[in-house]
Amino acid sequence: MRKLLWLFAACGLLLAACAKPLPPERLAYAGQWRSTTMSLLITTGGNVHYRRVDGNASKSVNGPLQSFEGDNFVVGIGPVRTTFVVSVPPHEDAGDWKMTVDGVELTRVPPGE
C-alpha cells in the first residue's frame, strides 16, 4: 500500500514537471473558467484541470498544457493529448472575462470566489 502511494506521488510530480508556464501573450487564458456544464482551470504554471457534464455523462482532463495552436490549446503527456478548441479567445465583456471553449461560453471566476 505504501509503495502505491509513493507511485501516485511520483506520477503527480512528473505531471507537474512536464507543465510549461503560460507564455506572456497567453496570460489572459489563466484562471478558473465556468459555465453551468463546464469547469476549466488553467494555471499560470501551465497545468489544466477540466470537467464537463453532459446529462448523466462527464468528462475530465487533468494535465500539463503542451502547446497553443492558434487560439486552441493542447493538454496531455506525449501522444496522450486533448486539443481544446477556442472559438472565442479570452476577452472582456461588460466587466466580465469570457472565452468560448469547445462550443461553450465560459466566464472567468473572480479571484477568491
Protein backbone atom coordinates (compact mmCIF):
# COMPACT_ATOMS: atom_id res chain seq x y z
CA MET A 1 0.00 0.00 0.00
CA ARG A 2 2.79 2.39 0.89
CA LYS A 3 4.57 1.70 -2.41
CA LEU A 4 1.36 2.52 -4.27
CA LEU A 5 1.08 5.88 -2.51
CA TRP A 6 4.68 6.70 -3.43
CA LEU A 7 3.94 5.76 -7.04
CA PHE A 8 0.96 8.13 -7.17
CA ALA A 9 3.01 10.91 -5.59
CA ALA A 10 5.82 10.39 -8.11
CA CYS A 11 3.36 10.45 -11.02
CA GLY A 12 1.89 13.70 -9.72
CA LEU A 13 5.33 15.27 -9.54
CA LEU A 14 6.13 14.13 -13.07
CA LEU A 15 2.91 15.67 -14.38
CA ALA A 16 3.71 18.97 -12.69
CA ALA A 17 7.27 18.86 -14.03
CA CYS A 18 6.00 18.45 -17.63
CA ALA A 19 3.99 21.67 -17.50
CA LYS A 20 5.40 24.77 -19.17
CA PRO A 21 4.40 28.18 -17.80
CA LEU A 22 1.97 30.16 -19.93
CA PRO A 23 3.76 32.49 -22.33
CA PRO A 24 3.23 36.20 -21.51
CA GLU A 25 0.98 36.71 -24.55
CA ARG A 26 -1.34 33.92 -23.27
CA LEU A 27 -1.74 35.00 -19.64
CA ALA A 28 -5.36 36.01 -20.35
CA TYR A 29 -6.12 32.25 -20.52
CA ALA A 30 -5.13 31.77 -16.86
CA GLY A 31 -7.84 31.45 -14.24
CA GLN A 32 -10.90 29.50 -13.22
CA TRP A 33 -13.49 29.49 -16.03
CA ARG A 34 -17.05 28.19 -15.58
CA SER A 35 -20.42 27.62 -17.17
CA THR A 36 -23.35 25.53 -15.94
CA THR A 37 -21.87 22.42 -17.61
CA MET A 38 -18.12 23.04 -17.66
CA SER A 39 -15.28 23.98 -15.33
CA LEU A 40 -11.81 24.81 -16.63
CA LEU A 41 -8.81 25.83 -14.53
CA ILE A 42 -5.68 27.00 -16.32
CA THR A 43 -2.78 27.92 -14.06
CA THR A 44 -0.02 30.36 -14.95
CA GLY A 45 2.33 27.43 -14.35
CA GLY A 46 0.75 25.56 -17.27
CA ASN A 47 -1.47 22.98 -15.59
CA VAL A 48 -5.04 22.40 -16.77
CA HIS A 49 -7.98 20.86 -14.90
CA TYR A 50 -11.15 20.37 -16.96
CA ARG A 51 -14.53 18.84 -16.21
CA ARG A 52 -17.63 18.80 -18.39
CA VAL A 53 -21.02 17.31 -17.56
CA ASP A 54 -23.44 16.34 -20.33
CA GLY A 55 -26.59 14.76 -18.93
CA ASN A 56 -25.51 11.65 -16.99
CA ALA A 57 -22.04 11.57 -18.57
CA SER A 58 -18.99 13.55 -17.51
CA LYS A 59 -15.51 14.02 -18.88
CA SER A 60 -12.40 15.13 -17.01
CA VAL A 61 -8.94 16.02 -18.26
CA ASN A 62 -6.06 16.95 -15.96
CA GLY A 63 -2.55 17.51 -17.22
CA PRO A 64 0.12 19.88 -18.40
CA LEU A 65 -0.53 22.35 -21.17
CA GLN A 66 1.70 21.23 -24.05
CA SER A 67 1.22 24.00 -26.59
CA PHE A 68 -1.01 26.53 -28.28
CA GLU A 69 -2.16 26.01 -31.87
CA GLY A 70 -3.57 29.37 -32.84
CA ASP A 71 -6.12 30.13 -30.11
CA ASN A 72 -6.58 26.42 -29.30
CA PHE A 73 -4.52 24.71 -26.61
CA VAL A 74 -3.25 21.16 -26.26
CA VAL A 75 -3.18 19.32 -22.91
CA GLY A 76 -1.56 15.97 -22.14
CA ILE A 77 1.61 13.96 -21.99
CA GLY A 78 3.34 12.66 -25.11
CA PRO A 79 0.88 11.08 -27.54
CA VAL A 80 -1.97 11.12 -24.98
CA ARG A 81 -3.34 14.58 -25.59
CA THR A 82 -6.52 16.58 -25.98
CA THR A 83 -6.98 19.70 -28.06
CA PHE A 84 -9.37 22.29 -26.69
CA VAL A 85 -10.94 24.34 -29.48
CA VAL A 86 -11.18 28.02 -28.58
CA SER A 87 -13.61 29.70 -30.97
CA VAL A 88 -13.62 32.96 -28.99
CA PRO A 89 -10.40 33.74 -27.07
CA PRO A 90 -10.43 35.46 -23.66
CA HIS A 91 -11.96 38.93 -23.84
CA GLU A 92 -13.70 41.40 -21.55
CA ASP A 93 -17.45 41.76 -22.00
CA ALA A 94 -19.40 44.20 -19.80
CA GLY A 95 -16.88 43.82 -16.97
CA ASP A 96 -16.70 40.00 -17.14
CA TRP A 97 -13.98 37.96 -18.83
CA LYS A 98 -15.36 35.40 -21.27
CA MET A 99 -13.97 32.69 -23.54
CA THR A 100 -15.67 30.04 -25.71
CA VAL A 101 -14.10 26.57 -25.50
CA ASP A 102 -15.45 23.52 -27.33
CA GLY A 103 -18.61 25.47 -28.14
CA VAL A 104 -19.33 26.50 -24.53
CA GLU A 105 -19.13 30.13 -23.38
CA LEU A 106 -17.21 30.30 -20.11
CA THR A 107 -16.89 33.18 -17.66
CA ARG A 108 -13.76 33.66 -15.56
CA VAL A 109 -14.47 33.47 -11.84
CA PRO A 110 -13.07 36.46 -9.95
CA PRO A 111 -10.19 35.54 -7.60
CA GLY A 112 -11.37 34.47 -4.16
CA GLU A 113 -14.76 33.11 -5.25
